[in-house]
């Protein structure tokens, strides 16, 4: 059994800070995860249309073993400049990997983007996309407490037929390790079981954190085929869920890669369908190495990976649950409220 951390946010992993910034006119934003010192990182990419920067360096066989920040951004490929802006700012502060004496440090800042260009916002930015400015603002806003829903990179997100958003969750294992996650939910698939107010992630919910909905119908009869509340037509350029999972365990680079792989299954626990040709689903994993693993390490790694998957599933549901309606992008709560008022099928709380 696990329990949530005191904030139920990824920042329950000691040392992590999250900063966010938004452009409400463009309906887009940036989220930055940073610590006071470099931290080990890995990545797992499952979607068929990823948009990433700096992820090749995170392969355990390569030279770089630590990063200075991770950047999650809206804007499709335009948003990749957010990672460069964070790199420039951290470099100016003297942070980064030193290849040789006398050379300037090079901050290692991987990132990923969601495809939010079709959400109705004003994207007529010409040659000056807002992502560099948003990234610098988000970095300056780094804190232990941050807002869920329509914040940061989740501002313009859409999950199936529901307004998507930024979600986070944490867990403390029986052995005292802390695991946390942060997700930007912008999926083709739906986070909600058809004909209900129930999130697919409902078995993992802690203390009613995303509304406490439960299915009233026989579940197998509700899951055949593709859900009617996914994005239709499914197409590239309007999707992708990206996430970060963290722990305070002292994982090696190879163990951290396995942690990322296991945690990616949280996507499948929370969204249907997932890892489609139209999504760029990506999970970063980081370890702050505050606590030592005991032997057998592989068994404890398995526990951490399972907790990470549960945390990602919960973060996805929380991101949608906490999102508010923006223009014609209707929130889960508004949709459920309307269904209740018309006595829609299978609604229970």
C-alpha atoms as a PDB file:
ATOM      1  CA  UNK A   1       0.000   0.000   0.000  1.00  0.00           C
ATOM      2  CA  UNK A   2       1.027   3.603  -0.617  1.00  0.00           C
ATOM      3  CA  UNK A   3      -0.201   6.966   0.614  1.00  0.00           C
ATOM      4  CA  UNK A   4      -0.008  10.380  -0.980  1.00  0.00           C
ATOM      5  CA  UNK A   5       2.688  12.849  -0.088  1.00  0.00           C
ATOM      6  CA  UNK A   6       1.808  15.978   1.870  1.00  0.00           C
ATOM      7  CA  UNK A   7       1.100  18.065  -1.239  1.00  0.00           C
ATOM      8  CA  UNK A   8      -0.003  15.257  -3.578  1.00  0.00           C
ATOM      9  CA  UNK A   9       2.257  16.878  -6.165  1.00  0.00           C
ATOM     10  CA  UNK A  10       5.475  15.844  -7.876  1.00  0.00           C
ATOM     11  CA  UNK A  11       7.276  18.327  -5.624  1.00  0.00           C
ATOM     12  CA  UNK A  12       6.787  15.907  -2.731  1.00  0.00           C
ATOM     13  CA  UNK A  13      10.011  14.459  -4.150  1.00  0.00           C
ATOM     14  CA  UNK A  14      12.361  16.665  -2.161  1.00  0.00           C
ATOM     15  CA  UNK A  15      14.326  19.209  -4.152  1.00  0.00           C
ATOM     16  CA  UNK A  16      12.039  19.465  -7.182  1.00  0.00           C
ATOM     17  CA  UNK A  17      10.526  22.787  -8.206  1.00  0.00           C
ATOM     18  CA  UNK A  18       7.874  23.359 -10.872  1.00  0.00           C
ATOM     19  CA  UNK A  19       7.372  26.658 -12.661  1.00  0.00           C
ATOM     20  CA  UNK A  20       4.623  27.504 -15.146  1.00  0.00           C
ATOM     21  CA  UNK A  21       3.641  30.346 -17.475  1.00  0.00           C
ATOM     22  CA  UNK A  22       0.748  30.862 -19.873  1.00  0.00           C
ATOM     23  CA  UNK A  23      -0.260  32.935 -22.893  1.00  0.00           C
ATOM     24  CA  UNK A  24      -4.068  33.033 -22.622  1.00  0.00           C
ATOM     25  CA  UNK A  25      -4.551  34.740 -25.969  1.00  0.00           C
ATOM     26  CA  UNK A  26      -2.656  31.975 -27.750  1.00  0.00           C
ATOM     27  CA  UNK A  27      -4.079  29.271 -25.398  1.00  0.00           C
ATOM     28  CA  UNK A  28      -0.694  27.752 -24.757  1.00  0.00           C
ATOM     29  CA  UNK A  29       1.974  27.597 -22.083  1.00  0.00           C
ATOM     30  CA  UNK A  30       5.175  26.117 -20.679  1.00  0.00           C
ATOM     31  CA  UNK A  31       5.996  24.001 -17.616  1.00  0.00           C
ATOM     32  CA  UNK A  32       9.559  23.678 -16.301  1.00  0.00           C
ATOM     33  CA  UNK A  33      10.836  21.133 -13.758  1.00  0.00           C
ATOM     34  CA  UNK A  34      14.145  22.048 -12.123  1.00  0.00           C
ATOM     35  CA  UNK A  35      16.290  21.430  -9.027  1.00  0.00           C
ATOM     36  CA  UNK A  36      19.158  23.251  -7.412  1.00  0.00           C
ATOM     37  CA  UNK A  37      21.639  20.727  -8.826  1.00  0.00           C
ATOM     38  CA  UNK A  38      21.733  18.287 -11.775  1.00  0.00           C
ATOM     39  CA  UNK A  39      19.708  15.096 -11.487  1.00  0.00           C
ATOM     40  CA  UNK A  40      19.756  11.733 -13.258  1.00  0.00           C
ATOM     41  CA  UNK A  41      17.178  11.303 -16.011  1.00  0.00           C
ATOM     42  CA  UNK A  42      15.845   8.826 -18.577  1.00  0.00           C
ATOM     43  CA  UNK A  43      13.063   8.892 -21.150  1.00  0.00           C
ATOM     44  CA  UNK A  44      10.568   6.481 -22.692  1.00  0.00           C
ATOM     45  CA  UNK A  45       8.722   7.407 -25.905  1.00  0.00           C
ATOM     46  CA  UNK A  46       5.653   5.369 -26.859  1.00  0.00           C
ATOM     47  CA  UNK A  47       3.591   7.628 -29.128  1.00  0.00           C
ATOM     48  CA  UNK A  48       3.678   7.592 -32.912  1.00  0.00           C
ATOM     49  CA  UNK A  49       4.090  11.367 -33.356  1.00  0.00           C
ATOM     50  CA  UNK A  50       6.570  12.594 -30.717  1.00  0.00           C
ATOM     51  CA  UNK A  51       8.035  16.058 -30.530  1.00  0.00           C
ATOM     52  CA  UNK A  52      11.156  16.099 -28.346  1.00  0.00           C
ATOM     53  CA  UNK A  53      14.513  17.780 -27.872  1.00  0.00           C
ATOM     54  CA  UNK A  54      17.629  16.412 -26.176  1.00  0.00           C
ATOM     55  CA  UNK A  55      16.210  12.960 -25.516  1.00  0.00           C
ATOM     56  CA  UNK A  56      18.914  10.970 -27.344  1.00  0.00           C
ATOM     57  CA  UNK A  57      21.420  12.074 -24.708  1.00  0.00           C
ATOM     58  CA  UNK A  58      19.395  10.264 -22.036  1.00  0.00           C
ATOM     59  CA  UNK A  59      20.162   6.800 -23.380  1.00  0.00           C
ATOM     60  CA  UNK A  60      22.087   4.988 -20.588  1.00  0.00           C
ATOM     61  CA  UNK A  61      24.898   4.077 -23.004  1.00  0.00           C
ATOM     62  CA  UNK A  62      25.711   7.738 -23.708  1.00  0.00           C
ATOM     63  CA  UNK A  63      28.007  10.245 -21.996  1.00  0.00           C
ATOM     64  CA  UNK A  64      25.473  12.503 -20.273  1.00  0.00           C
ATOM     65  CA  UNK A  65      24.131  11.060 -17.029  1.00  0.00           C
ATOM     66  CA  UNK A  66      22.417  14.111 -15.523  1.00  0.00           C
ATOM     67  CA  UNK A  67      20.190  16.984 -16.636  1.00  0.00           C
ATOM     68  CA  UNK A  68      19.627  20.504 -15.292  1.00  0.00           C
ATOM     69  CA  UNK A  69      15.923  20.850 -16.093  1.00  0.00           C
ATOM     70  CA  UNK A  70      13.096  19.257 -18.069  1.00  0.00           C
ATOM     71  CA  UNK A  71      10.769  21.429 -20.142  1.00  0.00           C
ATOM     72  CA  UNK A  72       7.212  20.546 -21.208  1.00  0.00           C
ATOM     73  CA  UNK A  73       5.612  22.941 -23.674  1.00  0.00           C
ATOM     74  CA  UNK A  74       2.667  23.595 -25.900  1.00  0.00           C
ATOM     75  CA  UNK A  75       3.093  24.836 -29.446  1.00  0.00           C
ATOM     76  CA  UNK A  76       4.040  21.711 -31.374  1.00  0.00           C
ATOM     77  CA  UNK A  77       7.538  22.153 -32.823  1.00  0.00           C
ATOM     78  CA  UNK A  78       7.407  25.892 -32.127  1.00  0.00           C
ATOM     79  CA  UNK A  79       7.448  25.003 -28.434  1.00  0.00           C
ATOM     80  CA  UNK A  80      10.825  23.294 -28.666  1.00  0.00           C
ATOM     81  CA  UNK A  81      12.472  26.710 -28.314  1.00  0.00           C
ATOM     82  CA  UNK A  82      11.326  26.686 -24.690  1.00  0.00           C
ATOM     83  CA  UNK A  83      14.050  24.180 -23.808  1.00  0.00           C
ATOM     84  CA  UNK A  84      16.676  26.334 -25.550  1.00  0.00           C
ATOM     85  CA  UNK A  85      15.559  29.392 -23.585  1.00  0.00           C
ATOM     86  CA  UNK A  86      15.865  27.524 -20.280  1.00  0.00           C
ATOM     87  CA  UNK A  87      19.273  26.222 -21.343  1.00  0.00           C
ATOM     88  CA  UNK A  88      20.457  29.771 -22.106  1.00  0.00           C
ATOM     89  CA  UNK A  89      19.238  31.118 -18.779  1.00  0.00           C
ATOM     90  CA  UNK A  90      20.804  28.298 -16.732  1.00  0.00           C
ATOM     91  CA  UNK A  91      24.042  28.635 -18.701  1.00  0.00           C
ATOM     92  CA  UNK A  92      24.174  32.331 -17.841  1.00  0.00           C
ATOM     93  CA  UNK A  93      23.905  31.280 -14.187  1.00  0.00           C
ATOM     94  CA  UNK A  94      26.935  29.002 -14.563  1.00  0.00           C
ATOM     95  CA  UNK A  95      25.059  25.713 -14.561  1.00  0.00           C
ATOM     96  CA  UNK A  96      25.719  22.873 -16.960  1.00  0.00           C
ATOM     97  CA  UNK A  97      28.043  20.100 -18.065  1.00  0.00           C
ATOM     98  CA  UNK A  98      31.699  21.123 -18.370  1.00  0.00           C
ATOM     99  CA  UNK A  99      33.415  19.360 -21.243  1.00  0.00           C
ATOM    100  CA  UNK A 100      36.832  20.868 -20.477  1.00  0.00           C
ATOM    101  CA  UNK A 101      38.455  23.552 -18.365  1.00  0.00           C
ATOM    102  CA  UNK A 102      38.098  26.999 -19.866  1.00  0.00           C
ATOM    103  CA  UNK A 103      34.959  26.118 -21.801  1.00  0.00           C
ATOM    104  CA  UNK A 104      31.553  27.478 -20.802  1.00  0.00           C
ATOM    105  CA  UNK A 105      29.192  25.024 -19.115  1.00  0.00           C
ATOM    106  CA  UNK A 106      26.455  23.526 -21.283  1.00  0.00           C
ATOM    107  CA  UNK A 107      23.164  22.967 -19.428  1.00  0.00           C
ATOM    108  CA  UNK A 108      21.442  19.724 -20.381  1.00  0.00           C
ATOM    109  CA  UNK A 109      17.740  20.507 -20.827  1.00  0.00           C
ATOM    110  CA  UNK A 110      15.627  17.893 -22.607  1.00  0.00           C
ATOM    111  CA  UNK A 111      12.012  18.603 -23.392  1.00  0.00           C
ATOM    112  CA  UNK A 112       8.824  17.524 -25.132  1.00  0.00           C
ATOM    113  CA  UNK A 113       5.844  19.308 -26.618  1.00  0.00           C
ATOM    114  CA  UNK A 114       2.127  18.803 -27.043  1.00  0.00           C
ATOM    115  CA  UNK A 115       0.328  19.585 -30.276  1.00  0.00           C
ATOM    116  CA  UNK A 116      -2.103  22.354 -29.281  1.00  0.00           C
ATOM    117  CA  UNK A 117      -2.219  24.425 -32.460  1.00  0.00           C
ATOM    118  CA  UNK A 118      -5.907  23.708 -33.222  1.00  0.00           C
ATOM    119  CA  UNK A 119      -7.429  24.751 -29.888  1.00  0.00           C
ATOM    120  CA  UNK A 120      -8.842  28.086 -31.026  1.00  0.00           C
ATOM    121  CA  UNK A 121      -6.136  30.336 -29.634  1.00  0.00           C
ATOM    122  CA  UNK A 122      -4.429  33.107 -31.572  1.00  0.00           C
ATOM    123  CA  UNK A 123      -1.351  31.498 -33.122  1.00  0.00           C
ATOM    124  CA  UNK A 124      -0.518  34.434 -35.425  1.00  0.00           C
ATOM    125  CA  UNK A 125       2.828  35.083 -33.766  1.00  0.00           C
ATOM    126  CA  UNK A 126       4.820  35.498 -36.985  1.00  0.00           C
ATOM    127  CA  UNK A 127       8.557  35.122 -36.372  1.00  0.00           C
ATOM    128  CA  UNK A 128       8.283  35.507 -32.593  1.00  0.00           C
ATOM    129  CA  UNK A 129       6.558  32.501 -31.007  1.00  0.00           C
ATOM    130  CA  UNK A 130       5.990  33.098 -27.276  1.00  0.00           C
ATOM    131  CA  UNK A 131       7.738  29.991 -25.984  1.00  0.00           C
ATOM    132  CA  UNK A 132      11.141  31.430 -25.173  1.00  0.00           C
ATOM    133  CA  UNK A 133       9.601  34.203 -23.115  1.00  0.00           C
ATOM    134  CA  UNK A 134       7.168  31.793 -21.447  1.00  0.00           C
ATOM    135  CA  UNK A 135       9.997  29.397 -20.603  1.00  0.00           C
ATOM    136  CA  UNK A 136      12.067  32.100 -18.907  1.00  0.00           C
ATOM    137  CA  UNK A 137       9.029  33.192 -16.911  1.00  0.00           C
ATOM    138  CA  UNK A 138       8.203  29.605 -15.945  1.00  0.00           C
ATOM    139  CA  UNK A 139      11.768  28.984 -14.781  1.00  0.00           C
ATOM    140  CA  UNK A 140      11.618  32.098 -12.598  1.00  0.00           C
ATOM    141  CA  UNK A 141       8.303  30.869 -11.133  1.00  0.00           C
ATOM    142  CA  UNK A 142       9.729  27.568  -9.863  1.00  0.00           C
ATOM    143  CA  UNK A 143       8.129  26.559  -6.548  1.00  0.00           C
ATOM    144  CA  UNK A 144       6.968  23.592  -4.512  1.00  0.00           C
ATOM    145  CA  UNK A 145       3.297  24.550  -4.949  1.00  0.00           C
ATOM    146  CA  UNK A 146       1.767  24.993  -8.391  1.00  0.00           C
ATOM    147  CA  UNK A 147      -1.671  25.088  -9.999  1.00  0.00           C
ATOM    148  CA  UNK A 148      -3.293  22.153 -11.797  1.00  0.00           C
ATOM    149  CA  UNK A 149      -5.713  22.213 -14.722  1.00  0.00           C
ATOM    150  CA  UNK A 150      -5.460  25.238 -17.033  1.00  0.00           C
ATOM    151  CA  UNK A 151      -1.859  26.052 -16.187  1.00  0.00           C
ATOM    152  CA  UNK A 152       1.505  25.855 -17.859  1.00  0.00           C
ATOM    153  CA  UNK A 153       1.688  23.581 -20.874  1.00  0.00           C
ATOM    154  CA  UNK A 154      -1.786  22.266 -20.031  1.00  0.00           C
ATOM    155  CA  UNK A 155      -3.575  25.550 -20.758  1.00  0.00           C
ATOM    156  CA  UNK A 156      -4.510  24.630 -24.319  1.00  0.00           C
ATOM    157  CA  UNK A 157      -4.705  20.867 -23.896  1.00  0.00           C
ATOM    158  CA  UNK A 158      -7.725  18.758 -24.926  1.00  0.00           C
ATOM    159  CA  UNK A 159      -8.218  15.118 -23.858  1.00  0.00           C
ATOM    160  CA  UNK A 160     -10.704  13.322 -26.068  1.00  0.00           C
ATOM    161  CA  UNK A 161     -13.860  15.482 -25.907  1.00  0.00           C
ATOM    162  CA  UNK A 162     -12.820  17.052 -22.583  1.00  0.00           C
ATOM    163  CA  UNK A 163     -10.679  20.091 -21.776  1.00  0.00           C
ATOM    164  CA  UNK A 164      -7.301  18.661 -20.838  1.00  0.00           C
ATOM    165  CA  UNK A 165      -4.728  20.157 -18.529  1.00  0.00           C
ATOM    166  CA  UNK A 166      -1.822  19.842 -16.136  1.00  0.00           C
ATOM    167  CA  UNK A 167      -2.085  17.155 -13.461  1.00  0.00           C
ATOM    168  CA  UNK A 168       0.150  15.888 -10.690  1.00  0.00           C
ATOM    169  CA  UNK A 169       0.133  13.249  -7.966  1.00  0.00           C
ATOM    170  CA  UNK A 170       2.485  11.641  -5.447  1.00  0.00           C
ATOM    171  CA  UNK A 171       2.860   8.489  -3.400  1.00  0.00           C
ATOM    172  CA  UNK A 172       4.987   7.311  -0.486  1.00  0.00           C
ATOM    173  CA  UNK A 173       5.774   3.598  -0.516  1.00  0.00           C
ATOM    174  CA  UNK A 174       5.792   1.300   2.504  1.00  0.00           C
ATOM    175  CA  UNK A 175       9.596   1.504   2.424  1.00  0.00           C
ATOM    176  CA  UNK A 176       9.476   5.294   2.663  1.00  0.00           C
ATOM    177  CA  UNK A 177      10.421   6.168  -0.915  1.00  0.00           C
ATOM    178  CA  UNK A 178       8.587   9.084  -2.511  1.00  0.00           C
ATOM    179  CA  UNK A 179       7.330   8.917  -6.092  1.00  0.00           C
ATOM    180  CA  UNK A 180       5.702  11.829  -7.906  1.00  0.00           C
ATOM    181  CA  UNK A 181       4.387  12.566 -11.359  1.00  0.00           C
ATOM    182  CA  UNK A 182       3.338  15.475 -13.527  1.00  0.00           C
ATOM    183  CA  UNK A 183       1.321  15.076 -16.740  1.00  0.00           C
ATOM    184  CA  UNK A 184       0.170  17.351 -19.552  1.00  0.00           C
ATOM    185  CA  UNK A 185      -2.979  15.651 -20.897  1.00  0.00           C
ATOM    186  CA  UNK A 186      -3.795  16.293 -24.555  1.00  0.00           C
ATOM    187  CA  UNK A 187      -4.753  12.871 -25.885  1.00  0.00           C
ATOM    188  CA  UNK A 188      -6.666  11.486 -28.859  1.00  0.00           C
ATOM    189  CA  UNK A 189      -8.150   8.934 -26.479  1.00  0.00           C
ATOM    190  CA  UNK A 190     -10.638   9.541 -23.710  1.00  0.00           C
ATOM    191  CA  UNK A 191      -9.819   9.631 -19.983  1.00  0.00           C
ATOM    192  CA  UNK A 192     -13.436   8.779 -19.089  1.00  0.00           C
ATOM    193  CA  UNK A 193     -15.345   5.471 -19.289  1.00  0.00           C
ATOM    194  CA  UNK A 194     -18.157   5.856 -21.853  1.00  0.00           C
ATOM    195  CA  UNK A 195     -21.606   6.615 -20.459  1.00  0.00           C
ATOM    196  CA  UNK A 196     -20.305   7.574 -17.030  1.00  0.00           C
ATOM    197  CA  UNK A 197     -18.577  10.267 -15.009  1.00  0.00           C
ATOM    198  CA  UNK A 198     -15.860   7.766 -14.140  1.00  0.00           C
ATOM    199  CA  UNK A 199     -12.218   8.147 -15.071  1.00  0.00           C
ATOM    200  CA  UNK A 200     -10.428   5.085 -16.393  1.00  0.00           C
ATOM    201  CA  UNK A 201      -7.959   5.708 -13.555  1.00  0.00           C
ATOM    202  CA  UNK A 202     -10.642   5.266 -10.868  1.00  0.00           C
ATOM    203  CA  UNK A 203      -9.093   2.140  -9.255  1.00  0.00           C
ATOM    204  CA  UNK A 204      -6.018   4.178  -8.318  1.00  0.00           C
ATOM    205  CA  UNK A 205      -7.745   7.286  -6.951  1.00  0.00           C
ATOM    206  CA  UNK A 206      -6.683   8.578  -3.539  1.00  0.00           C
ATOM    207  CA  UNK A 207      -9.086  10.462  -1.232  1.00  0.00           C
ATOM    208  CA  UNK A 208     -11.465  11.592  -3.981  1.00  0.00           C
ATOM    209  CA  UNK A 209      -8.726  13.543  -5.761  1.00  0.00           C
ATOM    210  CA  UNK A 210     -10.596  13.471  -9.070  1.00  0.00           C
ATOM    211  CA  UNK A 211     -14.207  13.340  -7.978  1.00  0.00           C
ATOM    212  CA  UNK A 212     -14.787   9.796  -6.762  1.00  0.00           C
ATOM    213  CA  UNK A 213     -16.856   8.664  -9.753  1.00  0.00           C
ATOM    214  CA  UNK A 214     -17.471   4.915 -10.080  1.00  0.00           C
ATOM    215  CA  UNK A 215     -19.046   2.911 -12.944  1.00  0.00           C
ATOM    216  CA  UNK A 216     -22.612   1.686 -12.391  1.00  0.00           C
ATOM    217  CA  UNK A 217     -22.713  -0.601 -15.417  1.00  0.00           C
ATOM    218  CA  UNK A 218     -20.918  -3.848 -16.094  1.00  0.00           C
ATOM    219  CA  UNK A 219     -17.459  -2.614 -17.090  1.00  0.00           C
ATOM    220  CA  UNK A 220     -16.758  -5.177 -19.889  1.00  0.00           C
ATOM    221  CA  UNK A 221     -19.919  -4.054 -21.722  1.00  0.00           C
ATOM    222  CA  UNK A 222     -18.642  -0.457 -21.738  1.00  0.00           C
ATOM    223  CA  UNK A 223     -15.171  -0.938 -23.178  1.00  0.00           C
ATOM    224  CA  UNK A 224     -15.624  -2.672 -26.529  1.00  0.00           C
ATOM    225  CA  UNK A 225     -14.158  -0.757 -29.470  1.00  0.00           C
ATOM    226  CA  UNK A 226     -13.075   2.851 -29.546  1.00  0.00           C
ATOM    227  CA  UNK A 227     -14.787   5.211 -27.080  1.00  0.00           C
ATOM    228  CA  UNK A 228     -17.296   7.672 -28.567  1.00  0.00           C
ATOM    229  CA  UNK A 229     -15.795  10.571 -26.605  1.00  0.00           C
ATOM    230  CA  UNK A 230     -12.324  10.391 -28.157  1.00  0.00           C
ATOM    231  CA  UNK A 231     -11.200  13.075 -30.622  1.00  0.00           C
ATOM    232  CA  UNK A 232     -12.964  12.541 -33.925  1.00  0.00           C
ATOM    233  CA  UNK A 233     -11.556  12.670 -36.488  1.00  0.00           C
ATOM    234  CA  UNK A 234      -8.292  11.493 -34.982  1.00  0.00           C
ATOM    235  CA  UNK A 235      -5.481  13.364 -36.685  1.00  0.00           C
ATOM    236  CA  UNK A 236      -1.952  14.505 -36.059  1.00  0.00           C
ATOM    237  CA  UNK A 237      -1.261  18.036 -34.860  1.00  0.00           C
ATOM    238  CA  UNK A 238      -3.840  18.206 -32.066  1.00  0.00           C
ATOM    239  CA  UNK A 239      -2.671  15.617 -29.554  1.00  0.00           C
ATOM    240  CA  UNK A 240       0.018  14.142 -27.271  1.00  0.00           C
ATOM    241  CA  UNK A 241       0.248  13.439 -23.555  1.00  0.00           C
ATOM    242  CA  UNK A 242       3.635  14.072 -21.961  1.00  0.00           C
ATOM    243  CA  UNK A 243       4.642  13.309 -18.404  1.00  0.00           C
ATOM    244  CA  UNK A 244       7.451  13.250 -15.902  1.00  0.00           C
ATOM    245  CA  UNK A 245       7.827  10.750 -13.070  1.00  0.00           C
ATOM    246  CA  UNK A 246      10.294  11.261 -10.222  1.00  0.00           C
ATOM    247  CA  UNK A 247      11.624   9.437  -7.195  1.00  0.00           C
ATOM    248  CA  UNK A 248      14.053  10.120  -4.379  1.00  0.00           C
ATOM    249  CA  UNK A 249      15.670   6.678  -4.811  1.00  0.00           C
ATOM    250  CA  UNK A 250      19.315   6.406  -5.932  1.00  0.00           C
ATOM    251  CA  UNK A 251      18.586   4.672  -9.233  1.00  0.00           C
ATOM    252  CA  UNK A 252      21.353   3.943 -11.720  1.00  0.00           C
ATOM    253  CA  UNK A 253      20.864   5.142 -15.299  1.00  0.00           C
ATOM    254  CA  UNK A 254      19.804   1.641 -16.386  1.00  0.00           C
ATOM    255  CA  UNK A 255      17.411   1.300 -13.448  1.00  0.00           C
ATOM    256  CA  UNK A 256      16.011   4.737 -14.227  1.00  0.00           C
ATOM    257  CA  UNK A 257      15.266   3.644 -17.792  1.00  0.00           C
ATOM    258  CA  UNK A 258      13.301   0.665 -16.452  1.00  0.00           C
ATOM    259  CA  UNK A 259      11.507   3.010 -14.051  1.00  0.00           C
ATOM    260  CA  UNK A 260      10.443   5.145 -17.040  1.00  0.00           C
ATOM    261  CA  UNK A 261       9.281   2.103 -19.008  1.00  0.00           C
ATOM    262  CA  UNK A 262       7.171   0.806 -16.140  1.00  0.00           C
ATOM    263  CA  UNK A 263       5.753   4.238 -15.355  1.00  0.00           C
ATOM    264  CA  UNK A 264       4.638   4.652 -18.972  1.00  0.00           C
ATOM    265  CA  UNK A 265       1.983   2.021 -18.300  1.00  0.00           C
ATOM    266  CA  UNK A 266       0.175   4.678 -16.283  1.00  0.00           C
ATOM    267  CA  UNK A 267      -0.925   6.134 -19.623  1.00  0.00           C
ATOM    268  CA  UNK A 268      -2.716   2.872 -20.447  1.00  0.00           C
ATOM    269  CA  UNK A 269      -4.363   2.873 -16.998  1.00  0.00           C
ATOM    270  CA  UNK A 270      -5.863   6.317 -17.631  1.00  0.00           C
ATOM    271  CA  UNK A 271      -6.558   6.835 -21.364  1.00  0.00           C
ATOM    272  CA  UNK A 272      -8.192   4.721 -24.085  1.00  0.00           C
ATOM    273  CA  UNK A 273      -6.897   4.352 -26.797  1.00  0.00           C
ATOM    274  CA  UNK A 274      -3.306   5.257 -26.041  1.00  0.00           C
ATOM    275  CA  UNK A 275       0.072   5.374 -27.846  1.00  0.00           C
ATOM    276  CA  UNK A 276      -1.731   5.954 -31.139  1.00  0.00           C
ATOM    277  CA  UNK A 277      -0.122   7.028 -34.436  1.00  0.00           C
ATOM    278  CA  UNK A 278      -1.427  10.537 -33.696  1.00  0.00           C
ATOM    279  CA  UNK A 279      -0.024  10.940 -30.148  1.00  0.00           C
ATOM    280  CA  UNK A 280       3.542  11.715 -29.130  1.00  0.00           C
ATOM    281  CA  UNK A 281       3.312  10.085 -25.706  1.00  0.00           C
ATOM    282  CA  UNK A 282       6.566  10.629 -23.807  1.00  0.00           C
ATOM    283  CA  UNK A 283       7.605  10.010 -20.191  1.00  0.00           C
ATOM    284  CA  UNK A 284      10.706  11.485 -18.567  1.00  0.00           C
ATOM    285  CA  UNK A 285      11.972   9.827 -15.386  1.00  0.00           C
ATOM    286  CA  UNK A 286      14.244  11.500 -12.858  1.00  0.00           C
ATOM    287  CA  UNK A 287      15.902  10.418  -9.622  1.00  0.00           C
ATOM    288  CA  UNK A 288      17.200  12.783  -6.965  1.00  0.00           C
ATOM    289  CA  UNK A 289      19.127   9.974  -5.175  1.00  0.00           C
ATOM    290  CA  UNK A 290      18.217  11.138  -1.669  1.00  0.00           C
ATOM    291  CA  UNK A 291      17.535   7.571  -0.437  1.00  0.00           C
ATOM    292  CA  UNK A 292      19.522   4.382  -1.036  1.00  0.00           C
ATOM    293  CA  UNK A 293      17.860   1.264  -2.386  1.00  0.00           C
ATOM    294  CA  UNK A 294      18.256  -1.893  -0.333  1.00  0.00           C
ATOM    295  CA  UNK A 295      18.840  -5.364  -1.711  1.00  0.00           C
ATOM    296  CA  UNK A 296      17.329  -6.885  -3.698  1.00  0.00           C
ATOM    297  CA  UNK A 297      17.403  -3.707  -5.760  1.00  0.00           C
ATOM    298  CA  UNK A 298      15.383  -5.234  -8.595  1.00  0.00           C
ATOM    299  CA  UNK A 299      12.441  -5.908  -6.292  1.00  0.00           C
ATOM    300  CA  UNK A 300      12.425  -2.355  -4.939  1.00  0.00           C
ATOM    301  CA  UNK A 301      12.744  -1.022  -8.485  1.00  0.00           C
ATOM    302  CA  UNK A 302       9.657  -3.032  -9.419  1.00  0.00           C
ATOM    303  CA  UNK A 303       7.723  -1.439  -6.554  1.00  0.00           C
ATOM    304  CA  UNK A 304       8.842   2.047  -7.576  1.00  0.00           C
ATOM    305  CA  UNK A 305       7.912   1.475 -11.215  1.00  0.00           C
ATOM    306  CA  UNK A 306       4.441   0.279 -10.267  1.00  0.00           C
ATOM    307  CA  UNK A 307       3.948   3.288  -7.984  1.00  0.00           C
ATOM    308  CA  UNK A 308       5.136   5.531 -10.809  1.00  0.00           C
ATOM    309  CA  UNK A 309       2.556   4.081 -13.206  1.00  0.00           C
ATOM    310  CA  UNK A 310      -0.208   4.597 -10.643  1.00  0.00           C
ATOM    311  CA  UNK A 311       0.945   8.177 -10.045  1.00  0.00           C
ATOM    312  CA  UNK A 312       0.904   8.967 -13.762  1.00  0.00           C
ATOM    313  CA  UNK A 313      -2.605   7.512 -14.099  1.00  0.00           C
ATOM    314  CA  UNK A 314      -3.779   9.672 -11.197  1.00  0.00           C
ATOM    315  CA  UNK A 315      -2.017  12.762 -12.537  1.00  0.00           C
ATOM    316  CA  UNK A 316      -3.735  12.324 -15.901  1.00  0.00           C
ATOM    317  CA  UNK A 317      -7.166  12.114 -14.282  1.00  0.00           C
ATOM    318  CA  UNK A 318      -6.409  15.082 -12.015  1.00  0.00           C
ATOM    319  CA  UNK A 319      -5.277  17.181 -14.969  1.00  0.00           C
ATOM    320  CA  UNK A 320      -8.630  16.670 -16.693  1.00  0.00           C
ATOM    321  CA  UNK A 321     -10.687  16.932 -13.497  1.00  0.00           C
ATOM    322  CA  UNK A 322      -9.098  20.244 -12.485  1.00  0.00           C
ATOM    323  CA  UNK A 323      -9.331  21.836 -15.949  1.00  0.00           C
ATOM    324  CA  UNK A 324     -11.902  24.575 -16.588  1.00  0.00           C
ATOM    325  CA  UNK A 325     -13.867  25.330 -19.730  1.00  0.00           C
ATOM    326  CA  UNK A 326     -12.080  27.682 -22.148  1.00  0.00           C
ATOM    327  CA  UNK A 327     -14.236  28.997 -24.994  1.00  0.00           C
ATOM    328  CA  UNK A 328     -15.654  25.975 -26.785  1.00  0.00           C
ATOM    329  CA  UNK A 329     -13.258  23.581 -25.013  1.00  0.00           C
ATOM    330  CA  UNK A 330     -15.638  22.165 -22.411  1.00  0.00           C
ATOM    331  CA  UNK A 331     -14.367  20.826 -19.119  1.00  0.00           C
ATOM    332  CA  UNK A 332     -15.105  17.432 -17.644  1.00  0.00           C
ATOM    333  CA  UNK A 333     -17.027  19.042 -14.788  1.00  0.00           C
ATOM    334  CA  UNK A 334     -19.237  21.073 -17.123  1.00  0.00           C
ATOM    335  CA  UNK A 335     -19.946  18.042 -19.298  1.00  0.00           C
ATOM    336  CA  UNK A 336     -20.801  15.877 -16.278  1.00  0.00           C
ATOM    337  CA  UNK A 337     -22.978  18.653 -14.849  1.00  0.00           C
ATOM    338  CA  UNK A 338     -24.988  18.825 -18.088  1.00  0.00           C
ATOM    339  CA  UNK A 339     -25.354  15.033 -18.242  1.00  0.00           C
ATOM    340  CA  UNK A 340     -26.627  14.988 -14.673  1.00  0.00           C
ATOM    341  CA  UNK A 341     -29.166  17.691 -15.434  1.00  0.00           C
ATOM    342  CA  UNK A 342     -30.539  15.592 -18.309  1.00  0.00           C
ATOM    343  CA  UNK A 343     -30.269  12.315 -16.363  1.00  0.00           C
ATOM    344  CA  UNK A 344     -27.661  10.881 -18.687  1.00  0.00           C
ATOM    345  CA  UNK A 345     -26.880   7.162 -18.520  1.00  0.00           C
ATOM    346  CA  UNK A 346     -24.584   5.631 -15.955  1.00  0.00           C
ATOM    347  CA  UNK A 347     -23.814   8.766 -13.981  1.00  0.00           C
ATOM    348  CA  UNK A 348     -22.961   8.243 -10.321  1.00  0.00           C
ATOM    349  CA  UNK A 349     -20.712   9.852  -7.792  1.00  0.00           C
END
